[in-house]
Amino acid sequence: MNAPVRTAPILLRENLDNIAVLTLNRPDARNSLSEALMAALTETLRSMAQERTVRVVVLAANGPGFCAGHDMKEMTARRSDADRGRAYYKKLMGACSTMMQAIVHLPKPVIAVVQGAASAAGCQLVASCDLAIASSAARFATPGVNIGLFCSTPMVALSRTVSRKHAMEMLLTGDLISAEEAQRIGLVNRVVAPGTERDEVLKLARQIASKSALTVKIGKEAFYRQLEMNLADAYRYASDVMVENMLARDAEEGIGAFIDKRPPNWEDR
């Protein structure tokens, strides 16, 4: 009898102290976002919200490419449906949007580490993360316009990360941009030598993980909420957040440690 064929998980997880590294693991498909991969990533992110031991999440990918966007073979196969795939495509885009929002709503920072090409929804994935470190070998694009399918959902994250004109140029031309250009326009934070991106992202993750988890949670939520408000509302909201934060035990401890010139002892409350 033949032994059952074991397939590798499409999403890997590694715990490094209080940092969780999630790795897209479809290298042969350039880590394209299949239904199963999006579901796995969404479920894992949601479960991490309750894991007190996880303070920072790193999003990585195996193989030469970071993420090629949606799985076009999977999508094209549904054109034979009675409705030409309409219901399926609606469900798929909804699942993708839910996954991207799970990153934003996670009460812990998510850092993308990009070793290769990130295109279409893969570029959207990078733009949705709170921070990003890229190898100088990485490339970024929203190339849907080249195949008659405008990158409308990637546009949402991209246009909230870089300026309008830079976003529109990427969306209208579909051109690949370099890691250095991505840094210049604000899509990534840092560009490092190929092969060093993992070490650099873990260094950054450890720095953030050393802060009060409560304070980071408060700050991340407030950052995204105030972006959608007008100036006056944003200041009112941020002032209320500051008041509540000031009353937290960690703020009392942190300020006391600063005055006493000693390291703080965070309680995350």
C-alpha atoms as a PDB file:
ATOM      1  CA  MET A   1       0.000   0.000   0.000  1.00  0.00           C
ATOM      2  CA  ASN A   2       1.321   3.415  -0.927  1.00  0.00           C
ATOM      3  CA  ALA A   3       1.967   5.796   1.938  1.00  0.00           C
ATOM      4  CA  PRO A   4      -0.356   8.831   1.989  1.00  0.00           C
ATOM      5  CA  VAL A   5       1.096  11.927   0.379  1.00  0.00           C
ATOM      6  CA  ARG A   6       1.757  14.631   2.939  1.00  0.00           C
ATOM      7  CA  THR A   7       1.338  18.177   1.753  1.00  0.00           C
ATOM      8  CA  ALA A   8       3.121  21.034   3.475  1.00  0.00           C
ATOM      9  CA  PRO A   9       0.949  23.544   5.363  1.00  0.00           C
ATOM     10  CA  ILE A  10       0.177  26.613   3.269  1.00  0.00           C
ATOM     11  CA  LEU A  11       0.769  28.861   6.285  1.00  0.00           C
ATOM     12  CA  LEU A  12       3.599  28.225   8.714  1.00  0.00           C
ATOM     13  CA  ARG A  13       3.953  29.601  12.215  1.00  0.00           C
ATOM     14  CA  GLU A  14       7.097  29.983  14.301  1.00  0.00           C
ATOM     15  CA  ASN A  15       7.144  31.415  17.816  1.00  0.00           C
ATOM     16  CA  LEU A  16      10.297  33.319  18.773  1.00  0.00           C
ATOM     17  CA  ASP A  17       9.726  34.330  22.380  1.00  0.00           C
ATOM     18  CA  ASN A  18       6.938  36.932  22.133  1.00  0.00           C
ATOM     19  CA  ILE A  19       7.158  37.308  18.336  1.00  0.00           C
ATOM     20  CA  ALA A  20       5.041  35.154  16.019  1.00  0.00           C
ATOM     21  CA  VAL A  21       6.386  34.664  12.493  1.00  0.00           C
ATOM     22  CA  LEU A  22       3.718  33.695   9.951  1.00  0.00           C
ATOM     23  CA  THR A  23       5.097  32.460   6.635  1.00  0.00           C
ATOM     24  CA  LEU A  24       3.150  32.136   3.392  1.00  0.00           C
ATOM     25  CA  ASN A  25       4.113  28.696   2.112  1.00  0.00           C
ATOM     26  CA  ARG A  26       3.000  28.304  -1.496  1.00  0.00           C
ATOM     27  CA  PRO A  27       6.373  29.004  -3.145  1.00  0.00           C
ATOM     28  CA  ASP A  28       5.557  27.051  -6.308  1.00  0.00           C
ATOM     29  CA  ALA A  29       2.543  29.326  -6.830  1.00  0.00           C
ATOM     30  CA  ARG A  30       4.506  32.459  -5.857  1.00  0.00           C
ATOM     31  CA  ASN A  31       2.500  32.439  -2.611  1.00  0.00           C
ATOM     32  CA  SER A  32      -0.656  33.497  -4.451  1.00  0.00           C
ATOM     33  CA  LEU A  33      -3.644  34.031  -2.189  1.00  0.00           C
ATOM     34  CA  SER A  34      -5.806  30.977  -2.654  1.00  0.00           C
ATOM     35  CA  GLU A  35      -9.093  30.670  -0.784  1.00  0.00           C
ATOM     36  CA  ALA A  36      -7.449  28.293   1.665  1.00  0.00           C
ATOM     37  CA  LEU A  37      -4.455  30.556   2.327  1.00  0.00           C
ATOM     38  CA  MET A  38      -6.641  33.602   2.960  1.00  0.00           C
ATOM     39  CA  ALA A  39      -8.848  31.603   5.324  1.00  0.00           C
ATOM     40  CA  ALA A  40      -5.825  30.261   7.214  1.00  0.00           C
ATOM     41  CA  LEU A  41      -4.254  33.696   7.577  1.00  0.00           C
ATOM     42  CA  THR A  42      -7.506  35.326   8.690  1.00  0.00           C
ATOM     43  CA  GLU A  43      -8.213  32.616  11.266  1.00  0.00           C
ATOM     44  CA  THR A  44      -4.662  32.737  12.630  1.00  0.00           C
ATOM     45  CA  LEU A  45      -4.670  36.524  12.957  1.00  0.00           C
ATOM     46  CA  ARG A  46      -8.005  36.492  14.761  1.00  0.00           C
ATOM     47  CA  SER A  47      -6.847  33.836  17.213  1.00  0.00           C
ATOM     48  CA  MET A  48      -3.663  35.805  17.920  1.00  0.00           C
ATOM     49  CA  ALA A  49      -5.694  38.734  19.179  1.00  0.00           C
ATOM     50  CA  GLN A  50      -6.326  36.721  22.352  1.00  0.00           C
ATOM     51  CA  GLU A  51      -2.780  35.377  22.777  1.00  0.00           C
ATOM     52  CA  ARG A  52      -1.146  37.434  25.509  1.00  0.00           C
ATOM     53  CA  THR A  53       2.271  35.917  24.820  1.00  0.00           C
ATOM     54  CA  VAL A  54       2.345  37.323  21.270  1.00  0.00           C
ATOM     55  CA  ARG A  55       3.357  40.978  21.185  1.00  0.00           C
ATOM     56  CA  VAL A  56       4.412  41.408  17.527  1.00  0.00           C
ATOM     57  CA  VAL A  57       3.562  39.499  14.349  1.00  0.00           C
ATOM     58  CA  VAL A  58       5.953  39.158  11.406  1.00  0.00           C
ATOM     59  CA  LEU A  59       4.505  38.245   8.017  1.00  0.00           C
ATOM     60  CA  ALA A  60       7.019  36.484   5.757  1.00  0.00           C
ATOM     61  CA  ALA A  61       6.980  34.261   2.673  1.00  0.00           C
ATOM     62  CA  ASN A  62       8.921  31.260   1.384  1.00  0.00           C
ATOM     63  CA  GLY A  63      10.512  31.087  -2.038  1.00  0.00           C
ATOM     64  CA  PRO A  64      11.787  33.803  -4.370  1.00  0.00           C
ATOM     65  CA  GLY A  65       8.532  35.791  -4.427  1.00  0.00           C
ATOM     66  CA  PHE A  66       6.615  37.360  -1.553  1.00  0.00           C
ATOM     67  CA  CYS A  67       3.097  37.151  -2.995  1.00  0.00           C
ATOM     68  CA  ALA A  68       1.740  37.291  -6.541  1.00  0.00           C
ATOM     69  CA  GLY A  69      -1.760  38.325  -5.517  1.00  0.00           C
ATOM     70  CA  HIS A  70      -4.870  36.231  -6.095  1.00  0.00           C
ATOM     71  CA  ASP A  71      -4.651  32.734  -7.527  1.00  0.00           C
ATOM     72  CA  MET A  72      -5.693  33.424 -11.119  1.00  0.00           C
ATOM     73  CA  LYS A  73      -6.034  29.726 -11.995  1.00  0.00           C
ATOM     74  CA  GLU A  74      -8.418  29.250  -9.088  1.00  0.00           C
ATOM     75  CA  MET A  75     -10.425  32.299 -10.147  1.00  0.00           C
ATOM     76  CA  THR A  76     -10.532  31.473 -13.859  1.00  0.00           C
ATOM     77  CA  ALA A  77     -11.852  27.973 -13.152  1.00  0.00           C
ATOM     78  CA  ARG A  78     -15.115  29.506 -11.912  1.00  0.00           C
ATOM     79  CA  ARG A  79     -15.961  31.226 -15.192  1.00  0.00           C
ATOM     80  CA  SER A  80     -17.820  28.058 -16.123  1.00  0.00           C
ATOM     81  CA  ASP A  81     -20.327  28.625 -13.282  1.00  0.00           C
ATOM     82  CA  ALA A  82     -23.877  29.420 -14.355  1.00  0.00           C
ATOM     83  CA  ASP A  83     -23.406  33.065 -13.315  1.00  0.00           C
ATOM     84  CA  ARG A  84     -19.897  33.192 -14.885  1.00  0.00           C
ATOM     85  CA  GLY A  85     -18.439  33.238 -11.391  1.00  0.00           C
ATOM     86  CA  ARG A  86     -20.169  36.362 -10.058  1.00  0.00           C
ATOM     87  CA  ALA A  87     -21.195  34.855  -6.709  1.00  0.00           C
ATOM     88  CA  TYR A  88     -17.809  33.211  -6.252  1.00  0.00           C
ATOM     89  CA  TYR A  89     -15.865  36.385  -7.078  1.00  0.00           C
ATOM     90  CA  LYS A  90     -18.009  38.389  -4.670  1.00  0.00           C
ATOM     91  CA  LYS A  91     -17.319  35.884  -1.911  1.00  0.00           C
ATOM     92  CA  LEU A  92     -13.597  35.800  -2.748  1.00  0.00           C
ATOM     93  CA  MET A  93     -13.181  39.591  -2.718  1.00  0.00           C
ATOM     94  CA  GLY A  94     -15.092  39.727   0.554  1.00  0.00           C
ATOM     95  CA  ALA A  95     -12.752  37.134   2.078  1.00  0.00           C
ATOM     96  CA  CYS A  96      -9.722  39.087   0.888  1.00  0.00           C
ATOM     97  CA  SER A  97     -11.065  42.336   2.339  1.00  0.00           C
ATOM     98  CA  THR A  98     -11.785  40.590   5.638  1.00  0.00           C
ATOM     99  CA  MET A  99      -8.228  39.251   5.762  1.00  0.00           C
ATOM    100  CA  MET A 100      -6.670  42.665   5.093  1.00  0.00           C
ATOM    101  CA  GLN A 101      -8.836  44.266   7.778  1.00  0.00           C
ATOM    102  CA  ALA A 102      -7.853  41.504  10.216  1.00  0.00           C
ATOM    103  CA  ILE A 103      -4.291  42.830   9.959  1.00  0.00           C
ATOM    104  CA  VAL A 104      -5.376  46.404  10.673  1.00  0.00           C
ATOM    105  CA  HIS A 105      -7.696  45.390  13.504  1.00  0.00           C
ATOM    106  CA  LEU A 106      -5.219  43.046  15.192  1.00  0.00           C
ATOM    107  CA  PRO A 107      -4.254  44.735  18.494  1.00  0.00           C
ATOM    108  CA  LYS A 108      -0.586  43.935  17.863  1.00  0.00           C
ATOM    109  CA  PRO A 109       1.777  45.396  15.246  1.00  0.00           C
ATOM    110  CA  VAL A 110       2.200  43.378  12.041  1.00  0.00           C
ATOM    111  CA  ILE A 111       5.471  43.758  10.135  1.00  0.00           C
ATOM    112  CA  ALA A 112       5.867  42.487   6.577  1.00  0.00           C
ATOM    113  CA  VAL A 113       9.290  41.207   5.561  1.00  0.00           C
ATOM    114  CA  VAL A 114       9.477  41.231   1.775  1.00  0.00           C
ATOM    115  CA  GLN A 115      12.191  39.201   0.078  1.00  0.00           C
ATOM    116  CA  GLY A 116      10.873  39.235  -3.505  1.00  0.00           C
ATOM    117  CA  ALA A 117       8.080  40.470  -5.736  1.00  0.00           C
ATOM    118  CA  ALA A 118       4.817  41.614  -4.156  1.00  0.00           C
ATOM    119  CA  SER A 119       2.170  42.309  -6.777  1.00  0.00           C
ATOM    120  CA  ALA A 120      -1.560  43.048  -6.879  1.00  0.00           C
ATOM    121  CA  ALA A 121      -3.099  41.668  -3.665  1.00  0.00           C
ATOM    122  CA  GLY A 122       0.452  40.844  -2.560  1.00  0.00           C
ATOM    123  CA  CYS A 123       1.279  44.552  -2.707  1.00  0.00           C
ATOM    124  CA  GLN A 124      -2.004  45.173  -0.888  1.00  0.00           C
ATOM    125  CA  LEU A 125      -0.855  42.767   1.810  1.00  0.00           C
ATOM    126  CA  VAL A 126       2.329  44.781   2.346  1.00  0.00           C
ATOM    127  CA  ALA A 127       0.393  48.067   2.375  1.00  0.00           C
ATOM    128  CA  SER A 128      -2.035  46.652   4.949  1.00  0.00           C
ATOM    129  CA  CYS A 129       0.723  45.788   7.419  1.00  0.00           C
ATOM    130  CA  ASP A 130       1.716  48.367   9.995  1.00  0.00           C
ATOM    131  CA  LEU A 131       5.382  48.300   8.993  1.00  0.00           C
ATOM    132  CA  ALA A 132       7.442  46.697   6.230  1.00  0.00           C
ATOM    133  CA  ILE A 133      11.079  45.829   5.687  1.00  0.00           C
ATOM    134  CA  ALA A 134      12.165  44.886   2.176  1.00  0.00           C
ATOM    135  CA  SER A 135      15.191  43.302   0.601  1.00  0.00           C
ATOM    136  CA  SER A 136      16.739  45.437  -2.126  1.00  0.00           C
ATOM    137  CA  ALA A 137      15.774  42.553  -4.423  1.00  0.00           C
ATOM    138  CA  ALA A 138      12.063  43.079  -3.718  1.00  0.00           C
ATOM    139  CA  ARG A 139       9.735  44.608  -6.293  1.00  0.00           C
ATOM    140  CA  PHE A 140       6.209  45.985  -5.983  1.00  0.00           C
ATOM    141  CA  ALA A 141       3.360  46.433  -8.474  1.00  0.00           C
ATOM    142  CA  THR A 142      -0.385  46.695  -8.924  1.00  0.00           C
ATOM    143  CA  PRO A 143      -0.398  45.275 -12.471  1.00  0.00           C
ATOM    144  CA  GLY A 144      -4.077  44.446 -12.896  1.00  0.00           C
ATOM    145  CA  VAL A 145      -4.517  47.162 -15.517  1.00  0.00           C
ATOM    146  CA  ASN A 146      -2.208  45.162 -17.802  1.00  0.00           C
ATOM    147  CA  ILE A 147      -4.646  42.230 -17.917  1.00  0.00           C
ATOM    148  CA  GLY A 148      -7.884  44.215 -17.971  1.00  0.00           C
ATOM    149  CA  LEU A 149      -8.577  43.856 -14.233  1.00  0.00           C
ATOM    150  CA  PHE A 150      -7.943  47.102 -12.355  1.00  0.00           C
ATOM    151  CA  CYS A 151      -6.469  46.547  -8.872  1.00  0.00           C
ATOM    152  CA  SER A 152      -9.463  48.091  -7.127  1.00  0.00           C
ATOM    153  CA  THR A 153      -9.167  46.280  -3.797  1.00  0.00           C
ATOM    154  CA  PRO A 154      -5.356  46.691  -3.603  1.00  0.00           C
ATOM    155  CA  MET A 155      -6.071  50.375  -4.296  1.00  0.00           C
ATOM    156  CA  VAL A 156      -7.797  50.714  -0.915  1.00  0.00           C
ATOM    157  CA  ALA A 157      -4.714  49.804   1.116  1.00  0.00           C
ATOM    158  CA  LEU A 158      -2.262  51.427  -1.296  1.00  0.00           C
ATOM    159  CA  SER A 159      -4.048  54.792  -1.362  1.00  0.00           C
ATOM    160  CA  ARG A 160      -4.071  54.856   2.443  1.00  0.00           C
ATOM    161  CA  THR A 161      -0.335  54.206   2.609  1.00  0.00           C
ATOM    162  CA  VAL A 162       1.247  56.336  -0.131  1.00  0.00           C
ATOM    163  CA  SER A 163       0.251  59.661  -1.669  1.00  0.00           C
ATOM    164  CA  ARG A 164      -2.562  59.784  -4.225  1.00  0.00           C
ATOM    165  CA  LYS A 165      -0.373  60.518  -7.212  1.00  0.00           C
ATOM    166  CA  HIS A 166       2.096  57.760  -6.409  1.00  0.00           C
ATOM    167  CA  ALA A 167      -0.781  55.324  -5.889  1.00  0.00           C
ATOM    168  CA  MET A 168      -2.444  56.346  -9.148  1.00  0.00           C
ATOM    169  CA  GLU A 169       0.783  55.975 -11.104  1.00  0.00           C
ATOM    170  CA  MET A 170       1.240  52.428  -9.825  1.00  0.00           C
ATOM    171  CA  LEU A 171      -2.415  51.585 -10.515  1.00  0.00           C
ATOM    172  CA  LEU A 172      -2.558  53.149 -13.999  1.00  0.00           C
ATOM    173  CA  THR A 173       0.769  51.889 -15.345  1.00  0.00           C
ATOM    174  CA  GLY A 174       1.040  48.513 -13.624  1.00  0.00           C
ATOM    175  CA  ASP A 175       4.806  48.996 -13.582  1.00  0.00           C
ATOM    176  CA  LEU A 176       7.077  47.228 -11.122  1.00  0.00           C
ATOM    177  CA  ILE A 177       8.850  49.604  -8.776  1.00  0.00           C
ATOM    178  CA  SER A 178      12.061  48.920  -6.904  1.00  0.00           C
ATOM    179  CA  ALA A 179      12.372  48.480  -3.160  1.00  0.00           C
ATOM    180  CA  GLU A 180      14.161  51.831  -3.000  1.00  0.00           C
ATOM    181  CA  GLU A 181      11.279  53.548  -4.793  1.00  0.00           C
ATOM    182  CA  ALA A 182       8.812  51.785  -2.500  1.00  0.00           C
ATOM    183  CA  GLN A 183      10.689  53.223   0.465  1.00  0.00           C
ATOM    184  CA  ARG A 184      10.762  56.686  -1.082  1.00  0.00           C
ATOM    185  CA  ILE A 185       6.984  56.780  -1.492  1.00  0.00           C
ATOM    186  CA  GLY A 186       6.314  55.271   1.934  1.00  0.00           C
ATOM    187  CA  LEU A 187       5.204  51.755   1.012  1.00  0.00           C
ATOM    188  CA  VAL A 188       8.053  50.212   3.030  1.00  0.00           C
ATOM    189  CA  ASN A 189      10.027  51.533   5.985  1.00  0.00           C
ATOM    190  CA  ARG A 190      13.484  50.162   5.275  1.00  0.00           C
ATOM    191  CA  VAL A 191      15.447  48.511   2.475  1.00  0.00           C
ATOM    192  CA  VAL A 192      18.217  46.116   3.449  1.00  0.00           C
ATOM    193  CA  ALA A 193      20.703  43.855   1.698  1.00  0.00           C
ATOM    194  CA  PRO A 194      19.276  40.572   0.341  1.00  0.00           C
ATOM    195  CA  GLY A 195      19.515  37.817   2.920  1.00  0.00           C
ATOM    196  CA  THR A 196      19.519  40.201   5.883  1.00  0.00           C
ATOM    197  CA  GLU A 197      15.829  41.103   5.864  1.00  0.00           C
ATOM    198  CA  ARG A 198      14.836  38.440   8.424  1.00  0.00           C
ATOM    199  CA  ASP A 199      17.489  39.546  10.916  1.00  0.00           C
ATOM    200  CA  GLU A 200      16.461  43.180  10.440  1.00  0.00           C
ATOM    201  CA  VAL A 201      12.759  42.515  10.887  1.00  0.00           C
ATOM    202  CA  LEU A 202      13.363  40.495  14.059  1.00  0.00           C
ATOM    203  CA  LYS A 203      15.527  43.294  15.437  1.00  0.00           C
ATOM    204  CA  LEU A 204      12.696  45.752  14.845  1.00  0.00           C
ATOM    205  CA  ALA A 205      10.096  43.326  16.198  1.00  0.00           C
ATOM    206  CA  ARG A 206      12.076  42.792  19.404  1.00  0.00           C
ATOM    207  CA  GLN A 207      12.372  46.548  19.910  1.00  0.00           C
ATOM    208  CA  ILE A 208       8.602  46.969  19.621  1.00  0.00           C
ATOM    209  CA  ALA A 209       7.925  43.882  21.749  1.00  0.00           C
ATOM    210  CA  SER A 210       9.867  45.486  24.601  1.00  0.00           C
ATOM    211  CA  LYS A 211       7.182  48.170  24.962  1.00  0.00           C
ATOM    212  CA  SER A 212       3.967  47.912  26.960  1.00  0.00           C
ATOM    213  CA  ALA A 213       1.571  45.709  24.997  1.00  0.00           C
ATOM    214  CA  LEU A 214      -1.377  47.720  26.311  1.00  0.00           C
ATOM    215  CA  THR A 215       0.152  51.000  25.153  1.00  0.00           C
ATOM    216  CA  VAL A 216       0.928  49.588  21.705  1.00  0.00           C
ATOM    217  CA  LYS A 217      -2.629  48.225  21.416  1.00  0.00           C
ATOM    218  CA  ILE A 218      -4.120  51.598  22.362  1.00  0.00           C
ATOM    219  CA  GLY A 219      -1.831  53.415  19.943  1.00  0.00           C
ATOM    220  CA  LYS A 220      -2.435  51.159  16.954  1.00  0.00           C
ATOM    221  CA  GLU A 221      -6.205  51.345  17.271  1.00  0.00           C
ATOM    222  CA  ALA A 222      -6.134  55.110  17.725  1.00  0.00           C
ATOM    223  CA  PHE A 223      -3.808  55.605  14.761  1.00  0.00           C
ATOM    224  CA  TYR A 224      -6.177  53.985  12.267  1.00  0.00           C
ATOM    225  CA  ARG A 225      -9.356  55.404  13.759  1.00  0.00           C
ATOM    226  CA  GLN A 226      -8.202  59.030  13.722  1.00  0.00           C
ATOM    227  CA  LEU A 227      -7.084  58.782  10.085  1.00  0.00           C
ATOM    228  CA  GLU A 228     -10.719  58.563   8.996  1.00  0.00           C
ATOM    229  CA  MET A 229     -11.806  61.645  10.992  1.00  0.00           C
ATOM    230  CA  ASN A 230     -11.691  65.336  10.255  1.00  0.00           C
ATOM    231  CA  LEU A 231      -9.066  67.348  12.130  1.00  0.00           C
ATOM    232  CA  ALA A 232     -11.275  68.566  14.981  1.00  0.00           C
ATOM    233  CA  ASP A 233     -12.817  65.132  15.585  1.00  0.00           C
ATOM    234  CA  ALA A 234      -9.385  63.518  15.432  1.00  0.00           C
ATOM    235  CA  TYR A 235      -8.059  65.817  18.149  1.00  0.00           C
ATOM    236  CA  ARG A 236     -11.113  65.245  20.350  1.00  0.00           C
ATOM    237  CA  TYR A 237     -10.803  61.502  19.944  1.00  0.00           C
ATOM    238  CA  ALA A 238      -7.025  61.471  20.493  1.00  0.00           C
ATOM    239  CA  SER A 239      -7.391  63.635  23.611  1.00  0.00           C
ATOM    240  CA  ASP A 240      -9.872  61.149  25.082  1.00  0.00           C
ATOM    241  CA  VAL A 241      -7.493  58.307  24.253  1.00  0.00           C
ATOM    242  CA  MET A 242      -4.626  60.137  25.988  1.00  0.00           C
ATOM    243  CA  VAL A 243      -6.716  60.626  29.134  1.00  0.00           C
ATOM    244  CA  GLU A 244      -7.652  56.944  29.349  1.00  0.00           C
ATOM    245  CA  ASN A 245      -4.072  55.908  28.550  1.00  0.00           C
ATOM    246  CA  MET A 246      -2.742  58.220  31.278  1.00  0.00           C
ATOM    247  CA  LEU A 247      -4.898  56.386  33.833  1.00  0.00           C
ATOM    248  CA  ALA A 248      -3.529  52.970  32.850  1.00  0.00           C
ATOM    249  CA  ARG A 249      -1.147  51.201  35.210  1.00  0.00           C
ATOM    250  CA  ASP A 250       1.593  50.988  32.547  1.00  0.00           C
ATOM    251  CA  ALA A 251       1.555  54.752  31.969  1.00  0.00           C
ATOM    252  CA  GLU A 252       1.916  55.310  35.720  1.00  0.00           C
ATOM    253  CA  GLU A 253       4.798  52.818  35.792  1.00  0.00           C
ATOM    254  CA  GLY A 254       6.462  54.159  32.651  1.00  0.00           C
ATOM    255  CA  ILE A 255       6.393  57.776  33.789  1.00  0.00           C
ATOM    256  CA  GLY A 256       7.608  56.764  37.236  1.00  0.00           C
ATOM    257  CA  ALA A 257      10.465  54.768  35.714  1.00  0.00           C
ATOM    258  CA  PHE A 258      11.407  57.742  33.533  1.00  0.00           C
ATOM    259  CA  ILE A 259      11.511  60.067  36.540  1.00  0.00           C
ATOM    260  CA  ASP A 260      13.443  57.512  38.617  1.00  0.00           C
ATOM    261  CA  LYS A 261      15.824  56.783  35.721  1.00  0.00           C
ATOM    262  CA  ARG A 262      15.174  53.015  35.798  1.00  0.00           C
ATOM    263  CA  PRO A 263      13.812  50.447  33.331  1.00  0.00           C
ATOM    264  CA  PRO A 264       9.996  50.115  33.448  1.00  0.00           C
ATOM    265  CA  ASN A 265       8.307  46.934  34.591  1.00  0.00           C
ATOM    266  CA  TRP A 266       5.306  46.561  32.270  1.00  0.00           C
ATOM    267  CA  GLU A 267       2.162  44.824  33.495  1.00  0.00           C
ATOM    268  CA  ASP A 268       0.223  45.339  30.230  1.00  0.00           C
ATOM    269  CA  ARG A 269      -2.680  46.906  32.044  1.00  0.00           C
END
